[in-house]
C-alpha atoms as a PDB file:
ATOM      1  CA  MET A   1      -9.895   7.456  33.549  1.00  0.00           C
ATOM      2  CA  MET A   2     -11.682   4.225  32.675  1.00  0.00           C
ATOM      3  CA  CYS A   3     -13.669   4.144  29.462  1.00  0.00           C
ATOM      4  CA  GLU A   4     -16.976   2.390  29.004  1.00  0.00           C
ATOM      5  CA  LEU A   5     -17.022  -1.187  27.718  1.00  0.00           C
ATOM      6  CA  SER A   6     -18.623  -0.185  24.411  1.00  0.00           C
ATOM      7  CA  ASN A   7     -15.951   2.462  23.889  1.00  0.00           C
ATOM      8  CA  ARG A   8     -13.225  -0.036  24.713  1.00  0.00           C
ATOM      9  CA  LYS A   9     -14.576  -2.424  22.060  1.00  0.00           C
ATOM     10  CA  LEU A  10     -14.744   0.409  19.544  1.00  0.00           C
ATOM     11  CA  VAL A  11     -11.158   1.444  20.327  1.00  0.00           C
ATOM     12  CA  GLU A  12     -10.054  -2.190  19.947  1.00  0.00           C
ATOM     13  CA  GLU A  13     -11.814  -2.390  16.567  1.00  0.00           C
ATOM     14  CA  ILE A  14     -10.124   0.863  15.532  1.00  0.00           C
ATOM     15  CA  GLU A  15      -6.707  -0.548  16.458  1.00  0.00           C
ATOM     16  CA  ALA A  16      -7.369  -3.862  14.660  1.00  0.00           C
ATOM     17  CA  THR A  17      -8.535  -2.017  11.538  1.00  0.00           C
ATOM     18  CA  ARG A  18      -5.486   0.252  11.668  1.00  0.00           C
ATOM     19  CA  GLN A  19      -3.145  -2.730  11.920  1.00  0.00           C
ATOM     20  CA  SER A  20      -4.910  -4.481   9.022  1.00  0.00           C
ATOM     21  CA  MET A  21      -4.738  -1.355   6.888  1.00  0.00           C
ATOM     22  CA  ILE A  22      -1.007  -1.013   7.519  1.00  0.00           C
ATOM     23  CA  SER A  23      -0.359  -4.668   6.657  1.00  0.00           C
ATOM     24  CA  ILE A  24      -2.449  -4.569   3.485  1.00  0.00           C
ATOM     25  CA  GLY A  25      -0.941  -1.223   2.506  1.00  0.00           C
ATOM     26  CA  LEU A  26       2.583  -2.579   2.839  1.00  0.00           C
ATOM     27  CA  GLU A  27       1.759  -5.731   0.913  1.00  0.00           C
ATOM     28  CA  TYR A  28      -0.477  -4.372  -1.873  1.00  0.00           C
ATOM     29  CA  GLY A  29       0.179  -0.630  -1.856  1.00  0.00           C
ATOM     30  CA  LEU A  30      -1.583   2.393  -0.471  1.00  0.00           C
ATOM     31  CA  THR A  31      -3.877   2.799  -3.473  1.00  0.00           C
ATOM     32  CA  HIS A  32      -5.078  -0.825  -3.566  1.00  0.00           C
ATOM     33  CA  SER A  33      -8.863  -1.008  -3.257  1.00  0.00           C
ATOM     34  CA  TYR A  34      -8.734  -3.058  -0.046  1.00  0.00           C
ATOM     35  CA  THR A  35      -6.340  -0.582   1.591  1.00  0.00           C
ATOM     36  CA  VAL A  36      -8.661   2.273   0.652  1.00  0.00           C
ATOM     37  CA  LYS A  37     -11.663   0.301   1.953  1.00  0.00           C
ATOM     38  CA  LEU A  38      -9.926  -0.245   5.306  1.00  0.00           C
ATOM     39  CA  SER A  39      -8.952   3.429   5.443  1.00  0.00           C
ATOM     40  CA  THR A  40     -12.584   4.413   4.929  1.00  0.00           C
ATOM     41  CA  LYS A  41     -13.689   1.937   7.609  1.00  0.00           C
ATOM     42  CA  LEU A  42     -11.091   3.400   9.988  1.00  0.00           C
ATOM     43  CA  ASP A  43     -12.361   6.919   9.283  1.00  0.00           C
ATOM     44  CA  ASP A  44     -15.941   5.808   9.989  1.00  0.00           C
ATOM     45  CA  LEU A  45     -14.942   4.136  13.267  1.00  0.00           C
ATOM     46  CA  LEU A  46     -12.984   7.180  14.415  1.00  0.00           C
ATOM     47  CA  ASN A  47     -15.882   9.474  13.532  1.00  0.00           C
ATOM     48  CA  GLU A  48     -18.257   7.244  15.487  1.00  0.00           C
ATOM     49  CA  LEU A  49     -15.997   7.376  18.521  1.00  0.00           C
ATOM     50  CA  LEU A  50     -15.661  11.144  18.282  1.00  0.00           C
ATOM     51  CA  LYS A  51     -19.415  11.600  17.974  1.00  0.00           C
ATOM     52  CA  THR A  52     -20.161   9.682  21.152  1.00  0.00           C
ATOM     53  CA  ASN A  53     -17.412  11.080  23.372  1.00  0.00           C
ATOM     54  CA  ASN A  54     -15.618  14.244  24.139  1.00  0.00           C
ATOM     55  CA  ARG A  55     -11.978  14.558  23.128  1.00  0.00           C
ATOM     56  CA  GLU A  56     -10.482  13.849  26.567  1.00  0.00           C
ATOM     57  CA  ILE A  57     -12.339  10.545  26.975  1.00  0.00           C
ATOM     58  CA  VAL A  58     -11.364   9.437  23.480  1.00  0.00           C
ATOM     59  CA  LEU A  59      -7.691  10.178  24.105  1.00  0.00           C
ATOM     60  CA  ALA A  60      -7.760   8.447  27.502  1.00  0.00           C
ATOM     61  CA  CYS A  61      -9.337   5.293  26.024  1.00  0.00           C
ATOM     62  CA  TYR A  62      -6.939   5.227  23.087  1.00  0.00           C
ATOM     63  CA  HIS A  63      -3.922   5.705  25.361  1.00  0.00           C
ATOM     64  CA  GLU A  64      -5.201   3.032  27.759  1.00  0.00           C
ATOM     65  CA  ASN A  65      -5.623   0.561  24.867  1.00  0.00           C
ATOM     66  CA  ARG A  66      -2.166   1.357  23.416  1.00  0.00           C
ATOM     67  CA  VAL A  67      -0.523   0.784  26.801  1.00  0.00           C
ATOM     68  CA  LEU A  68      -2.355  -2.549  27.203  1.00  0.00           C
ATOM     69  CA  THR A  69      -1.372  -3.559  23.662  1.00  0.00           C
ATOM     70  CA  GLU A  70       2.284  -2.652  24.219  1.00  0.00           C
ATOM     71  CA  VAL A  71       2.410  -4.487  27.553  1.00  0.00           C
ATOM     72  CA  GLY A  72       0.872  -7.583  25.933  1.00  0.00           C
ATOM     73  CA  ASN A  73       3.557  -7.776  23.216  1.00  0.00           C
END
């Protein structure tokens, strides 16, 4: 199932934020203010995605993005 362009961009932003949060968390610790800020941003992005889509579409878009990311590496 193909997801809409706006959803794809949101999923890409979610993945980029997740990666940043992991990197910052490993470097500065999980309780560092920037790690917590990124975690909050990630929560907000995920909530936005869930509000605009049903669960099946969200999972399909996330899986599609993960597969594209893994193939690109």
